[in-house]
Every structure is written in C-alpha cells, then in structure tokens.
PDB file of N, CA and C in Angstrom:
ATOM      1  N   MET A   1       0.770  -1.139   0.119  1.00  0.00           N
ATOM      2  CA  MET A   1      -0.034   0.041  -0.038  1.00  0.00           C
ATOM      3  C   MET A   1       0.792   1.306  -0.115  1.00  0.00           C
ATOM      4  N   PRO A   2       0.628   2.231  -0.765  1.00  0.00           N
ATOM      5  CA  PRO A   2       1.434   3.475  -0.849  1.00  0.00           C
ATOM      6  C   PRO A   2       1.203   4.306   0.342  1.00  0.00           C
ATOM      7  N   GLN A   3       2.326   5.091   0.627  1.00  0.00           N
ATOM      8  CA  GLN A   3       2.236   5.966   1.784  1.00  0.00           C
ATOM      9  C   GLN A   3       1.192   7.031   1.591  1.00  0.00           C
ATOM     10  N   ASP A   4       0.312   7.368   2.570  1.00  0.00           N
ATOM     11  CA  ASP A   4      -0.628   8.558   2.569  1.00  0.00           C
ATOM     12  C   ASP A   4      -0.342   9.556   3.531  1.00  0.00           C
ATOM     13  N   LYS A   5       0.320  10.539   3.007  1.00  0.00           N
ATOM     14  CA  LYS A   5       0.731  11.721   3.887  1.00  0.00           C
ATOM     15  C   LYS A   5      -0.429  12.411   4.444  1.00  0.00           C
ATOM     16  N   PHE A   6      -1.660  12.274   3.963  1.00  0.00           N
ATOM     17  CA  PHE A   6      -2.766  12.991   4.457  1.00  0.00           C
ATOM     18  C   PHE A   6      -3.850  12.193   5.228  1.00  0.00           C
ATOM     19  N   ALA A   7      -3.398  10.900   5.568  1.00  0.00           N
ATOM     20  CA  ALA A   7      -4.405  10.021   6.244  1.00  0.00           C
ATOM     21  C   ALA A   7      -4.895  10.595   7.544  1.00  0.00           C
ATOM     22  N   SER A   8      -4.275  11.418   8.184  1.00  0.00           N
ATOM     23  CA  SER A   8      -4.922  11.872   9.519  1.00  0.00           C
ATOM     24  C   SER A   8      -5.664  13.146   9.294  1.00  0.00           C
ATOM     25  N   THR A   9      -5.825  13.630   8.084  1.00  0.00           N
ATOM     26  CA  THR A   9      -6.706  14.835   7.969  1.00  0.00           C
ATOM     27  C   THR A   9      -8.106  14.561   7.333  1.00  0.00           C
ATOM     28  N   ASP A  10      -8.593  13.392   7.434  1.00  0.00           N
ATOM     29  CA  ASP A  10      -9.813  13.098   6.831  1.00  0.00           C
ATOM     30  C   ASP A  10     -10.944  13.862   7.648  1.00  0.00           C
ATOM     31  N   SER A  11     -11.889  14.576   6.823  1.00  0.00           N
ATOM     32  CA  SER A  11     -13.064  15.172   7.370  1.00  0.00           C
ATOM     33  C   SER A  11     -14.087  15.113   6.228  1.00  0.00           C
ATOM     34  N   VAL A  12     -15.241  15.493   6.559  1.00  0.00           N
ATOM     35  CA  VAL A  12     -16.440  15.614   5.622  1.00  0.00           C
ATOM     36  C   VAL A  12     -16.092  16.465   4.416  1.00  0.00           C
ATOM     37  N   THR A  13     -15.306  17.414   4.563  1.00  0.00           N
ATOM     38  CA  THR A  13     -14.951  18.181   3.342  1.00  0.00           C
ATOM     39  C   THR A  13     -13.708  17.741   2.533  1.00  0.00           C
ATOM     40  N   ALA A  14     -12.991  16.762   3.195  1.00  0.00           N
ATOM     41  CA  ALA A  14     -11.769  16.241   2.431  1.00  0.00           C
ATOM     42  C   ALA A  14     -12.202  15.245   1.319  1.00  0.00           C
ATOM     43  N   PRO A  15     -11.266  15.043   0.380  1.00  0.00           N
ATOM     44  CA  PRO A  15     -11.714  14.146  -0.732  1.00  0.00           C
ATOM     45  C   PRO A  15     -12.024  12.749  -0.183  1.00  0.00           C
ATOM     46  N   ALA A  16     -12.868  12.033  -0.949  1.00  0.00           N
ATOM     47  CA  ALA A  16     -13.250  10.706  -0.555  1.00  0.00           C
ATOM     48  C   ALA A  16     -12.131   9.827  -0.451  1.00  0.00           C
ATOM     49  N   ARG A  17     -12.109   8.791   0.631  1.00  0.00           N
ATOM     50  CA  ARG A  17     -10.951   7.969   0.723  1.00  0.00           C
ATOM     51  C   ARG A  17     -11.498   6.400   0.388  1.00  0.00           C
ATOM     52  N   ASP A  18     -12.685   6.336   0.222  1.00  0.00           N
ATOM     53  CA  ASP A  18     -13.389   4.964   0.058  1.00  0.00           C
ATOM     54  C   ASP A  18     -14.752   5.251  -0.674  1.00  0.00           C
ATOM     55  N   CYS A  19     -15.313   4.043  -1.170  1.00  0.00           N
ATOM     56  CA  CYS A  19     -16.561   4.304  -1.768  1.00  0.00           C
ATOM     57  C   CYS A  19     -17.372   2.887  -1.744  1.00  0.00           C
ATOM     58  N   PHE A  20     -18.553   3.005  -2.005  1.00  0.00           N
ATOM     59  CA  PHE A  20     -19.404   1.868  -1.904  1.00  0.00           C
ATOM     60  C   PHE A  20     -20.619   1.914  -2.939  1.00  0.00           C
ATOM     61  N   GLY A  21     -21.036   0.843  -3.507  1.00  0.00           N
ATOM     62  CA  GLY A  21     -22.251   0.856  -4.307  1.00  0.00           C
ATOM     63  C   GLY A  21     -23.490   1.065  -3.488  1.00  0.00           C
ATOM     64  N   ILE A  22     -24.454   1.674  -4.011  1.00  0.00           N
ATOM     65  CA  ILE A  22     -25.728   1.968  -3.320  1.00  0.00           C
ATOM     66  C   ILE A  22     -26.768   1.458  -4.176  1.00  0.00           C
ATOM     67  N   VAL A  23     -27.701   0.512  -3.668  1.00  0.00           N
ATOM     68  CA  VAL A  23     -28.867   0.012  -4.252  1.00  0.00           C
ATOM     69  C   VAL A  23     -29.975   0.597  -3.540  1.00  0.00           C
ATOM     70  N   PRO A  24     -30.885   1.478  -4.240  1.00  0.00           N
ATOM     71  CA  PRO A  24     -31.969   2.053  -3.840  1.00  0.00           C
ATOM     72  C   PRO A  24     -32.871   1.050  -3.021  1.00  0.00           C
ATOM     73  N   ASP A  25     -33.525   1.358  -1.835  1.00  0.00           N
ATOM     74  CA  ASP A  25     -34.201   0.499  -1.155  1.00  0.00           C
ATOM     75  C   ASP A  25     -35.397   1.281  -0.356  1.00  0.00           C
ATOM     76  N   ASP A  26     -36.742   0.957  -0.584  1.00  0.00           N
ATOM     77  CA  ASP A  26     -37.774   1.641   0.073  1.00  0.00           C
ATOM     78  C   ASP A  26     -37.809   1.415   1.519  1.00  0.00           C
ATOM     79  N   ASN A  27     -37.348   0.375   2.126  1.00  0.00           N
ATOM     80  CA  ASN A  27     -37.522  -0.036   3.466  1.00  0.00           C
ATOM     81  C   ASN A  27     -36.257  -0.060   4.312  1.00  0.00           C
ATOM     82  N   ALA A  28     -35.043   0.288   3.771  1.00  0.00           N
ATOM     83  CA  ALA A  28     -33.891   0.166   4.680  1.00  0.00           C
ATOM     84  C   ALA A  28     -33.047   1.512   4.400  1.00  0.00           C
ATOM     85  N   ASP A  29     -32.497   1.996   5.456  1.00  0.00           N
ATOM     86  CA  ASP A  29     -31.499   3.084   5.414  1.00  0.00           C
ATOM     87  C   ASP A  29     -30.182   2.652   4.961  1.00  0.00           C
ATOM     88  N   LEU A  30     -29.316   3.480   4.560  1.00  0.00           N
ATOM     89  CA  LEU A  30     -27.890   3.077   4.177  1.00  0.00           C
ATOM     90  C   LEU A  30     -27.273   2.668   5.451  1.00  0.00           C
ATOM     91  N   THR A  31     -26.312   1.799   5.350  1.00  0.00           N
ATOM     92  CA  THR A  31     -25.583   1.199   6.571  1.00  0.00           C
ATOM     93  C   THR A  31     -24.591   2.231   6.996  1.00  0.00           C
ATOM     94  N   VAL A  32     -24.165   3.142   6.173  1.00  0.00           N
ATOM     95  CA  VAL A  32     -23.222   4.321   6.581  1.00  0.00           C
ATOM     96  C   VAL A  32     -23.581   5.462   5.802  1.00  0.00           C
ATOM     97  N   VAL A  33     -23.524   6.662   6.381  1.00  0.00           N
ATOM     98  CA  VAL A  33     -23.827   7.978   5.746  1.00  0.00           C
ATOM     99  C   VAL A  33     -22.569   8.460   4.958  1.00  0.00           C
ATOM    100  N   PRO A  34     -22.687   8.607   3.607  1.00  0.00           N
ATOM    101  CA  PRO A  34     -21.490   8.927   2.797  1.00  0.00           C
ATOM    102  C   PRO A  34     -21.254  10.542   2.769  1.00  0.00           C
ATOM    103  N   LYS A  35     -20.089  10.946   2.461  1.00  0.00           N
ATOM    104  CA  LYS A  35     -19.769  12.348   2.381  1.00  0.00           C
ATOM    105  C   LYS A  35     -20.557  13.084   1.259  1.00  0.00           C
ATOM    106  N   ALA A  36     -20.665  12.221   0.095  1.00  0.00           N
ATOM    107  CA  ALA A  36     -21.233  12.686  -1.084  1.00  0.00           C
ATOM    108  C   ALA A  36     -21.734  11.444  -1.787  1.00  0.00           C
ATOM    109  N   ILE A  37     -22.522  11.709  -2.921  1.00  0.00           N
ATOM    110  CA  ILE A  37     -22.868  10.508  -3.855  1.00  0.00           C
ATOM    111  C   ILE A  37     -22.472  10.829  -5.281  1.00  0.00           C
ATOM    112  N   TYR A  38     -22.075   9.885  -5.915  1.00  0.00           N
ATOM    113  CA  TYR A  38     -21.899   9.950  -7.360  1.00  0.00           C
ATOM    114  C   TYR A  38     -22.988   9.290  -8.170  1.00  0.00           C
ATOM    115  N   ILE A  39     -23.585   9.926  -9.215  1.00  0.00           N
ATOM    116  CA  ILE A  39     -24.578   9.439 -10.023  1.00  0.00           C
ATOM    117  C   ILE A  39     -24.025   8.903 -11.381  1.00  0.00           C
ATOM    118  N   GLY A  40     -23.834   7.761 -11.699  1.00  0.00           N
ATOM    119  CA  GLY A  40     -23.362   7.180 -12.869  1.00  0.00           C
ATOM    120  C   GLY A  40     -24.144   7.352 -14.096  1.00  0.00           C
ATOM    121  N   THR A  41     -25.463   7.116 -13.893  1.00  0.00           N
ATOM    122  CA  THR A  41     -26.477   7.121 -14.942  1.00  0.00           C
ATOM    123  C   THR A  41     -27.551   8.070 -14.407  1.00  0.00           C
ATOM    124  N   GLY A  42     -27.802   9.323 -15.204  1.00  0.00           N
ATOM    125  CA  GLY A  42     -28.635  10.261 -14.707  1.00  0.00           C
ATOM    126  C   GLY A  42     -30.124   9.857 -14.681  1.00  0.00           C
ATOM    127  N   GLY A  43     -30.822  10.709 -14.058  1.00  0.00           N
ATOM    128  CA  GLY A  43     -32.298  10.678 -13.759  1.00  0.00           C
ATOM    129  C   GLY A  43     -32.754  11.190 -12.586  1.00  0.00           C
ATOM    130  N   ASP A  44     -33.864  10.734 -12.050  1.00  0.00           N
ATOM    131  CA  ASP A  44     -34.449  11.286 -10.760  1.00  0.00           C
ATOM    132  C   ASP A  44     -33.798  10.418  -9.582  1.00  0.00           C
ATOM    133  N   LEU A  45     -33.723  11.189  -8.369  1.00  0.00           N
ATOM    134  CA  LEU A  45     -33.258  10.492  -7.278  1.00  0.00           C
ATOM    135  C   LEU A  45     -34.067  10.816  -6.125  1.00  0.00           C
ATOM    136  N   VAL A  46     -34.489   9.911  -5.370  1.00  0.00           N
ATOM    137  CA  VAL A  46     -35.411   9.981  -4.141  1.00  0.00           C
ATOM    138  C   VAL A  46     -34.560   9.728  -2.948  1.00  0.00           C
ATOM    139  N   LEU A  47     -34.356  10.719  -2.019  1.00  0.00           N
ATOM    140  CA  LEU A  47     -33.492  10.292  -0.897  1.00  0.00           C
ATOM    141  C   LEU A  47     -34.013  11.174   0.328  1.00  0.00           C
ATOM    142  N   GLN A  48     -33.535  10.681   1.445  1.00  0.00           N
ATOM    143  CA  GLN A  48     -33.769  11.284   2.637  1.00  0.00           C
ATOM    144  C   GLN A  48     -32.459  11.761   3.272  1.00  0.00           C
ATOM    145  N   GLY A  49     -32.328  13.209   3.575  1.00  0.00           N
ATOM    146  CA  GLY A  49     -31.129  13.686   4.043  1.00  0.00           C
ATOM    147  C   GLY A  49     -30.778  13.227   5.451  1.00  0.00           C
ATOM    148  N   VAL A  50     -29.624  13.130   6.025  1.00  0.00           N
ATOM    149  CA  VAL A  50     -29.223  12.661   7.259  1.00  0.00           C
ATOM    150  C   VAL A  50     -29.943  13.230   8.380  1.00  0.00           C
ATOM    151  N   ASP A  51     -30.247  14.692   8.207  1.00  0.00           N
ATOM    152  CA  ASP A  51     -30.935  15.369   9.300  1.00  0.00           C
ATOM    153  C   ASP A  51     -32.390  15.670   8.966  1.00  0.00           C
ATOM    154  N   SER A  52     -32.999  14.928   8.089  1.00  0.00           N
ATOM    155  CA  SER A  52     -34.278  15.079   7.570  1.00  0.00           C
ATOM    156  C   SER A  52     -35.262  14.099   8.024  1.00  0.00           C
ATOM    157  N   ASP A  53     -36.516  14.350   8.199  1.00  0.00           N
ATOM    158  CA  ASP A  53     -37.621  13.164   8.387  1.00  0.00           C
ATOM    159  C   ASP A  53     -38.380  12.833   7.125  1.00  0.00           C
ATOM    160  N   ALA A  54     -38.155  13.762   6.016  1.00  0.00           N
ATOM    161  CA  ALA A  54     -38.994  13.506   4.801  1.00  0.00           C
ATOM    162  C   ALA A  54     -38.098  13.356   3.661  1.00  0.00           C
ATOM    163  N   ASP A  55     -38.627  12.505   2.610  1.00  0.00           N
ATOM    164  CA  ASP A  55     -38.056  12.303   1.415  1.00  0.00           C
ATOM    165  C   ASP A  55     -37.993  13.516   0.453  1.00  0.00           C
ATOM    166  N   VAL A  56     -37.124  13.626  -0.356  1.00  0.00           N
ATOM    167  CA  VAL A  56     -37.143  14.682  -1.423  1.00  0.00           C
ATOM    168  C   VAL A  56     -36.778  14.085  -2.734  1.00  0.00           C
ATOM    169  N   THR A  57     -37.173  14.542  -3.814  1.00  0.00           N
ATOM    170  CA  THR A  57     -36.809  14.093  -5.085  1.00  0.00           C
ATOM    171  C   THR A  57     -36.133  15.241  -5.883  1.00  0.00           C
ATOM    172  N   LEU A  58     -34.739  14.779  -6.280  1.00  0.00           N
ATOM    173  CA  LEU A  58     -33.772  15.686  -7.093  1.00  0.00           C
ATOM    174  C   LEU A  58     -34.217  15.044  -8.562  1.00  0.00           C
ATOM    175  N   ARG A  59     -34.595  15.993  -9.359  1.00  0.00           N
ATOM    176  CA  ARG A  59     -35.113  15.597 -10.714  1.00  0.00           C
ATOM    177  C   ARG A  59     -34.154  16.000 -11.800  1.00  0.00           C
ATOM    178  N   ASN A  60     -34.002  15.056 -12.785  1.00  0.00           N
ATOM    179  CA  ASN A  60     -33.212  15.369 -13.965  1.00  0.00           C
ATOM    180  C   ASN A  60     -31.709  15.524 -13.743  1.00  0.00           C
ATOM    181  N   LEU A  61     -31.217  14.722 -12.783  1.00  0.00           N
ATOM    182  CA  LEU A  61     -29.698  14.786 -12.593  1.00  0.00           C
ATOM    183  C   LEU A  61     -29.097  14.162 -13.671  1.00  0.00           C
ATOM    184  N   PRO A  62     -27.848  14.958 -14.093  1.00  0.00           N
ATOM    185  CA  PRO A  62     -27.108  14.362 -15.218  1.00  0.00           C
ATOM    186  C   PRO A  62     -26.240  13.140 -14.822  1.00  0.00           C
ATOM    187  N   SER A  63     -25.761  12.520 -15.875  1.00  0.00           N
ATOM    188  CA  SER A  63     -24.886  11.384 -15.651  1.00  0.00           C
ATOM    189  C   SER A  63     -23.509  11.819 -15.263  1.00  0.00           C
ATOM    190  N   GLY A  64     -22.855  11.181 -14.368  1.00  0.00           N
ATOM    191  CA  GLY A  64     -21.406  11.621 -13.894  1.00  0.00           C
ATOM    192  C   GLY A  64     -21.300  12.721 -12.963  1.00  0.00           C
ATOM    193  N   VAL A  65     -22.454  13.223 -12.195  1.00  0.00           N
ATOM    194  CA  VAL A  65     -22.353  14.183 -11.355  1.00  0.00           C
ATOM    195  C   VAL A  65     -22.095  13.679  -9.894  1.00  0.00           C
ATOM    196  N   ILE A  66     -21.431  14.402  -9.055  1.00  0.00           N
ATOM    197  CA  ILE A  66     -21.213  14.246  -7.726  1.00  0.00           C
ATOM    198  C   ILE A  66     -22.051  15.250  -6.817  1.00  0.00           C
ATOM    199  N   LEU A  67     -22.860  14.625  -6.076  1.00  0.00           N
ATOM    200  CA  LEU A  67     -23.793  15.608  -5.277  1.00  0.00           C
ATOM    201  C   LEU A  67     -23.185  15.719  -3.834  1.00  0.00           C
ATOM    202  N   ASP A  68     -22.971  16.849  -3.390  1.00  0.00           N
ATOM    203  CA  ASP A  68     -22.404  17.138  -2.101  1.00  0.00           C
ATOM    204  C   ASP A  68     -23.678  17.052  -1.083  1.00  0.00           C
ATOM    205  N   ILE A  69     -24.188  15.980  -0.932  1.00  0.00           N
ATOM    206  CA  ILE A  69     -25.262  15.825   0.031  1.00  0.00           C
ATOM    207  C   ILE A  69     -25.088  14.493   0.749  1.00  0.00           C
ATOM    208  N   ARG A  70     -25.480  14.423   2.057  1.00  0.00           N
ATOM    209  CA  ARG A  70     -25.333  13.333   2.973  1.00  0.00           C
ATOM    210  C   ARG A  70     -26.583  12.624   3.233  1.00  0.00           C
ATOM    211  N   PRO A  71     -27.065  11.691   2.388  1.00  0.00           N
ATOM    212  CA  PRO A  71     -28.308  11.014   2.446  1.00  0.00           C
ATOM    213  C   PRO A  71     -28.138   9.821   3.627  1.00  0.00           C
ATOM    214  N   SER A  72     -29.254   9.566   4.354  1.00  0.00           N
ATOM    215  CA  SER A  72     -29.477   8.531   5.225  1.00  0.00           C
ATOM    216  C   SER A  72     -30.144   7.443   4.381  1.00  0.00           C
ATOM    217  N   ALA A  73     -30.851   7.656   3.448  1.00  0.00           N
ATOM    218  CA  ALA A  73     -31.625   6.691   2.566  1.00  0.00           C
ATOM    219  C   ALA A  73     -31.698   7.117   1.199  1.00  0.00           C
ATOM    220  N   ILE A  74     -31.617   6.163   0.206  1.00  0.00           N
ATOM    221  CA  ILE A  74     -31.852   6.410  -1.087  1.00  0.00           C
ATOM    222  C   ILE A  74     -33.114   5.390  -1.537  1.00  0.00           C
ATOM    223  N   ARG A  75     -34.208   5.969  -1.916  1.00  0.00           N
ATOM    224  CA  ARG A  75     -35.381   5.235  -2.097  1.00  0.00           C
ATOM    225  C   ARG A  75     -35.448   4.657  -3.652  1.00  0.00           C
ATOM    226  N   GLN A  76     -36.088   3.515  -3.625  1.00  0.00           N
ATOM    227  CA  GLN A  76     -36.315   2.802  -4.900  1.00  0.00           C
ATOM    228  C   GLN A  76     -37.390   3.310  -5.693  1.00  0.00           C
ATOM    229  N   ALA A  77     -38.496   3.562  -5.048  1.00  0.00           N
ATOM    230  CA  ALA A  77     -39.746   4.291  -5.769  1.00  0.00           C
ATOM    231  C   ALA A  77     -39.428   5.747  -6.154  1.00  0.00           C
ATOM    232  N   GLY A  78     -39.454   5.878  -7.322  1.00  0.00           N
ATOM    233  CA  GLY A  78     -39.293   7.199  -7.991  1.00  0.00           C
ATOM    234  C   GLY A  78     -37.887   7.562  -8.429  1.00  0.00           C
ATOM    235  N   THR A  79     -36.997   6.587  -8.016  1.00  0.00           N
ATOM    236  CA  THR A  79     -35.526   6.811  -8.549  1.00  0.00           C
ATOM    237  C   THR A  79     -35.487   6.187  -9.736  1.00  0.00           C
ATOM    238  N   THR A  80     -34.952   6.968 -10.743  1.00  0.00           N
ATOM    239  CA  THR A  80     -34.699   6.469 -12.005  1.00  0.00           C
ATOM    240  C   THR A  80     -33.099   6.543 -12.359  1.00  0.00           C
ATOM    241  N   ALA A  81     -32.465   7.299 -11.585  1.00  0.00           N
ATOM    242  CA  ALA A  81     -31.023   7.401 -11.669  1.00  0.00           C
ATOM    243  C   ALA A  81     -30.426   5.954 -11.336  1.00  0.00           C
ATOM    244  N   ALA A  82     -29.346   5.700 -11.852  1.00  0.00           N
ATOM    245  CA  ALA A  82     -28.560   4.263 -11.591  1.00  0.00           C
ATOM    246  C   ALA A  82     -27.086   4.446 -11.478  1.00  0.00           C
ATOM    247  N   ASP A  83     -26.521   3.305 -10.875  1.00  0.00           N
ATOM    248  CA  ASP A  83     -24.967   3.400 -10.770  1.00  0.00           C
ATOM    249  C   ASP A  83     -24.707   4.278  -9.844  1.00  0.00           C
ATOM    250  N   ILE A  84     -25.265   4.234  -8.703  1.00  0.00           N
ATOM    251  CA  ILE A  84     -25.169   5.287  -7.548  1.00  0.00           C
ATOM    252  C   ILE A  84     -23.891   4.702  -6.728  1.00  0.00           C
ATOM    253  N   VAL A  85     -23.098   5.689  -6.286  1.00  0.00           N
ATOM    254  CA  VAL A  85     -21.994   5.343  -5.468  1.00  0.00           C
ATOM    255  C   VAL A  85     -21.916   6.242  -4.331  1.00  0.00           C
ATOM    256  N   GLY A  86     -21.776   5.686  -3.090  1.00  0.00           N
ATOM    257  CA  GLY A  86     -21.360   6.649  -1.964  1.00  0.00           C
ATOM    258  C   GLY A  86     -20.007   6.832  -1.784  1.00  0.00           C
ATOM    259  N   LEU A  87     -19.699   8.145  -1.527  1.00  0.00           N
ATOM    260  CA  LEU A  87     -18.172   8.368  -1.375  1.00  0.00           C
ATOM    261  C   LEU A  87     -17.897   8.634   0.137  1.00  0.00           C
ATOM    262  N   LEU A  88     -16.863   7.952   0.618  1.00  0.00           N
ATOM    263  CA  LEU A  88     -16.672   8.174   2.020  1.00  0.00           C
ATOM    264  C   LEU A  88     -15.295   8.782   2.249  1.00  0.00           C
TER     265      LEU A  88
END
C-alpha cells in the first residue's frame, strides 16, 4: 500500500477515501452515511437527508455528477438514476 501523507486529515470536506455501491431501497436506510454521492447514470433520485424526516426528489440529474449531500436513505420508488456510488 502506498504511503498516504494526508491520512490523519480526513473530514467531511476532504476528498473521499473509500466508496461503496448503493442499491436504492424503500424499506432500509444506508448502512453508512456518505460524504457525497456519485450518479453514474442520470435521472431522478429520491432520498432522505441525514438530518431530515422527509424524502425529497432531485429531478433530472445528469450522468457523472457528484452531489455534495449526505443521505441516510436512497429510495427505490421514484428513483430512475442508476449506478449510484457513496463516497466516504
């Protein structure tokens, strides 16, 4: 593994150090709250923010966008975006 001179400076605003695939689910929250999310294939995205009690729909997201949002859940119903990746 290469040396990482910035390993001790991780924060929510620092670049992502890890990632994981997100499968939208109407009944389960994410197992970890990401710093941001990447949308591989554009469309609509239904999510709940980490400090919110309600879902919101982000419409017409383009492919290849990184959203600076920290979701606690990504819902299947209404989500047409795909290839969603959580950035940690």
